[in-house]
Amino acid sequence: MPAVRTTRKLMKMDEIKAKARSLGIEPGKMKKTDLIRMIQQWEGNTPCFGTSRGECTNEACCFIGDCLKIKT
């Protein structure tokens, strides 16, 4: 499957924390990357946030806009 490039809106930390709370995760003072990976794992996805190297095949991921900006 080819990698996806997107211009999807970036999520603000308060939006990420709200999503976590809606899933029963208490974000506390977690770092953004750790919180997103916990959400991904809780949703049954691979906790891969920040490892895409600018490309991703998971178009359904709500964090793809943020993730694709990180080039590790």
N, C-alpha and C. Protein backbone atom coordinates (compact mmCIF):
# COMPACT_ATOMS: atom_id res chain seq x y z
N MET A 1 0.85 -1.17 0.00
CA MET A 1 0.00 0.00 0.00
C MET A 1 0.90 1.23 0.00
N PRO A 2 0.63 2.21 -0.87
CA PRO A 2 1.48 3.39 -0.94
C PRO A 2 1.31 4.27 0.30
N ALA A 3 2.34 5.01 0.59
CA ALA A 3 2.30 5.94 1.72
C ALA A 3 1.36 7.09 1.40
N VAL A 4 0.80 7.65 2.45
CA VAL A 4 -0.18 8.72 2.30
C VAL A 4 0.44 10.04 2.71
N ARG A 5 0.19 11.06 1.96
CA ARG A 5 0.55 12.42 2.33
C ARG A 5 -0.75 13.15 2.60
N THR A 6 -0.79 13.93 3.66
CA THR A 6 -2.04 14.59 4.01
C THR A 6 -1.81 16.00 4.51
N THR A 7 -2.85 16.78 4.44
CA THR A 7 -2.82 18.13 5.00
C THR A 7 -3.84 18.21 6.13
N ARG A 8 -4.10 17.08 6.78
CA ARG A 8 -5.07 17.01 7.86
C ARG A 8 -4.69 17.96 8.99
N LYS A 9 -5.71 18.55 9.61
CA LYS A 9 -5.54 19.50 10.71
C LYS A 9 -4.74 18.89 11.86
N LEU A 10 -3.87 19.70 12.44
CA LEU A 10 -3.11 19.25 13.59
C LEU A 10 -3.97 19.34 14.84
N MET A 11 -3.81 18.38 15.75
CA MET A 11 -4.59 18.37 16.98
C MET A 11 -3.83 19.12 18.07
N LYS A 12 -4.53 19.97 18.78
CA LYS A 12 -3.94 20.67 19.91
C LYS A 12 -3.94 19.74 21.11
N MET A 13 -3.04 20.02 22.06
CA MET A 13 -2.89 19.14 23.22
C MET A 13 -4.20 19.01 24.00
N ASP A 14 -4.98 20.08 24.11
CA ASP A 14 -6.25 19.97 24.84
C ASP A 14 -7.22 19.04 24.12
N GLU A 15 -7.16 18.99 22.79
CA GLU A 15 -8.00 18.07 22.03
C GLU A 15 -7.55 16.62 22.24
N ILE A 16 -6.24 16.42 22.30
CA ILE A 16 -5.69 15.08 22.52
C ILE A 16 -6.06 14.59 23.92
N LYS A 17 -5.94 15.48 24.90
CA LYS A 17 -6.31 15.11 26.28
C LYS A 17 -7.80 14.79 26.38
N ALA A 18 -8.63 15.56 25.68
CA ALA A 18 -10.07 15.29 25.70
C ALA A 18 -10.37 13.93 25.08
N LYS A 19 -9.68 13.60 24.00
CA LYS A 19 -9.87 12.29 23.36
C LYS A 19 -9.45 11.19 24.33
N ALA A 20 -8.33 11.38 25.01
CA ALA A 20 -7.85 10.39 25.97
C ALA A 20 -8.88 10.18 27.08
N ARG A 21 -9.40 11.26 27.62
CA ARG A 21 -10.40 11.16 28.70
C ARG A 21 -11.65 10.44 28.21
N SER A 22 -12.03 10.68 26.97
CA SER A 22 -13.23 10.03 26.43
C SER A 22 -13.04 8.51 26.33
N LEU A 23 -11.79 8.09 26.30
CA LEU A 23 -11.47 6.66 26.23
C LEU A 23 -11.18 6.07 27.60
N GLY A 24 -11.25 6.92 28.63
CA GLY A 24 -10.99 6.44 29.98
C GLY A 24 -9.52 6.51 30.39
N ILE A 25 -8.73 7.26 29.63
CA ILE A 25 -7.31 7.43 29.92
C ILE A 25 -7.14 8.78 30.62
N GLU A 26 -6.48 8.79 31.77
CA GLU A 26 -6.22 10.05 32.46
C GLU A 26 -4.85 10.56 32.01
N PRO A 27 -4.82 11.66 31.24
CA PRO A 27 -3.57 12.12 30.65
C PRO A 27 -2.57 12.72 31.64
N GLY A 28 -3.06 13.30 32.75
CA GLY A 28 -2.15 13.91 33.70
C GLY A 28 -1.16 14.83 33.01
N LYS A 29 0.13 14.59 33.26
CA LYS A 29 1.19 15.42 32.65
C LYS A 29 1.99 14.62 31.63
N MET A 30 1.32 13.68 30.98
CA MET A 30 2.02 12.86 29.98
C MET A 30 2.49 13.72 28.82
N LYS A 31 3.61 13.33 28.24
CA LYS A 31 4.11 14.00 27.05
C LYS A 31 3.18 13.65 25.89
N LYS A 32 3.10 14.56 24.93
CA LYS A 32 2.21 14.38 23.78
C LYS A 32 2.44 13.04 23.08
N THR A 33 3.68 12.73 22.79
CA THR A 33 3.99 11.48 22.08
C THR A 33 3.52 10.26 22.87
N ASP A 34 3.81 10.24 24.16
CA ASP A 34 3.41 9.10 25.00
C ASP A 34 1.90 8.96 25.07
N LEU A 35 1.21 10.10 25.20
CA LEU A 35 -0.26 10.07 25.30
C LEU A 35 -0.88 9.58 24.00
N ILE A 36 -0.38 10.08 22.89
CA ILE A 36 -0.91 9.65 21.59
C ILE A 36 -0.68 8.16 21.37
N ARG A 37 0.50 7.68 21.71
CA ARG A 37 0.78 6.25 21.55
C ARG A 37 -0.12 5.41 22.45
N MET A 38 -0.43 5.90 23.64
CA MET A 38 -1.33 5.17 24.54
C MET A 38 -2.74 5.12 23.93
N ILE A 39 -3.18 6.23 23.36
CA ILE A 39 -4.48 6.28 22.70
C ILE A 39 -4.50 5.29 21.52
N GLN A 40 -3.45 5.33 20.71
CA GLN A 40 -3.37 4.41 19.57
C GLN A 40 -3.47 2.96 20.03
N GLN A 41 -2.74 2.63 21.06
CA GLN A 41 -2.75 1.26 21.56
C GLN A 41 -4.12 0.90 22.11
N TRP A 42 -4.75 1.80 22.86
CA TRP A 42 -6.06 1.56 23.43
C TRP A 42 -7.09 1.31 22.34
N GLU A 43 -6.93 2.01 21.21
CA GLU A 43 -7.86 1.84 20.08
C GLU A 43 -7.56 0.59 19.25
N GLY A 44 -6.53 -0.15 19.63
CA GLY A 44 -6.20 -1.38 18.91
C GLY A 44 -5.27 -1.18 17.73
N ASN A 45 -4.65 -0.02 17.67
CA ASN A 45 -3.71 0.29 16.59
C ASN A 45 -2.28 0.13 17.07
N THR A 46 -1.36 0.13 16.14
CA THR A 46 0.04 0.11 16.49
C THR A 46 0.41 1.46 17.09
N PRO A 47 1.07 1.48 18.25
CA PRO A 47 1.46 2.75 18.86
C PRO A 47 2.69 3.32 18.16
N CYS A 48 2.48 3.90 16.99
CA CYS A 48 3.58 4.27 16.11
C CYS A 48 3.79 5.77 15.95
N PHE A 49 3.05 6.59 16.68
CA PHE A 49 3.14 8.04 16.50
C PHE A 49 4.59 8.52 16.55
N GLY A 50 4.96 9.30 15.55
CA GLY A 50 6.30 9.88 15.50
C GLY A 50 7.34 9.01 14.86
N THR A 51 6.95 7.86 14.35
CA THR A 51 7.92 6.95 13.73
C THR A 51 7.71 6.83 12.22
N SER A 52 6.87 7.67 11.65
CA SER A 52 6.49 7.52 10.24
C SER A 52 7.55 7.99 9.25
N ARG A 53 8.48 8.80 9.71
CA ARG A 53 9.49 9.39 8.83
C ARG A 53 8.86 10.15 7.67
N GLY A 54 7.72 10.79 7.96
CA GLY A 54 7.07 11.62 6.97
C GLY A 54 6.12 10.91 6.03
N GLU A 55 5.91 9.60 6.22
CA GLU A 55 5.00 8.84 5.38
C GLU A 55 4.20 7.88 6.24
N CYS A 56 2.93 7.63 5.87
CA CYS A 56 2.10 6.72 6.64
C CYS A 56 1.03 6.11 5.74
N THR A 57 0.67 4.87 6.02
CA THR A 57 -0.37 4.20 5.23
C THR A 57 -1.71 4.16 5.96
N ASN A 58 -1.76 4.65 7.20
CA ASN A 58 -2.99 4.60 7.99
C ASN A 58 -3.77 5.90 7.87
N GLU A 59 -4.56 6.03 6.81
CA GLU A 59 -5.32 7.25 6.56
C GLU A 59 -6.37 7.53 7.63
N ALA A 60 -6.81 6.51 8.34
CA ALA A 60 -7.86 6.68 9.34
C ALA A 60 -7.35 7.25 10.66
N CYS A 61 -6.06 7.30 10.85
CA CYS A 61 -5.49 7.77 12.12
C CYS A 61 -5.74 9.27 12.27
N CYS A 62 -6.34 9.64 13.41
CA CYS A 62 -6.64 11.05 13.63
C CYS A 62 -5.39 11.87 13.97
N PHE A 63 -4.27 11.21 14.15
CA PHE A 63 -3.02 11.90 14.49
C PHE A 63 -2.07 12.02 13.30
N ILE A 64 -2.52 11.62 12.13
CA ILE A 64 -1.64 11.56 10.97
C ILE A 64 -1.05 12.92 10.61
N GLY A 65 -1.83 13.98 10.76
CA GLY A 65 -1.32 15.32 10.43
C GLY A 65 -0.12 15.69 11.28
N ASP A 66 -0.19 15.42 12.57
CA ASP A 66 0.91 15.69 13.48
C ASP A 66 2.09 14.76 13.20
N CYS A 67 1.79 13.51 13.01
CA CYS A 67 2.81 12.48 12.83
C CYS A 67 3.67 12.74 11.60
N LEU A 68 3.05 13.10 10.50
CA LEU A 68 3.79 13.30 9.26
C LEU A 68 4.72 14.50 9.32
N LYS A 69 4.50 15.39 10.26
CA LYS A 69 5.38 16.54 10.42
C LYS A 69 6.67 16.18 11.13
N ILE A 70 6.67 15.04 11.84
CA ILE A 70 7.85 14.60 12.58
C ILE A 70 8.69 13.74 11.65
N LYS A 71 9.90 14.15 11.40
CA LYS A 71 10.79 13.39 10.52
C LYS A 71 11.99 12.94 11.33
N THR A 72 11.89 11.71 11.84
CA THR A 72 12.97 11.17 12.68
C THR A 72 13.94 10.38 11.88
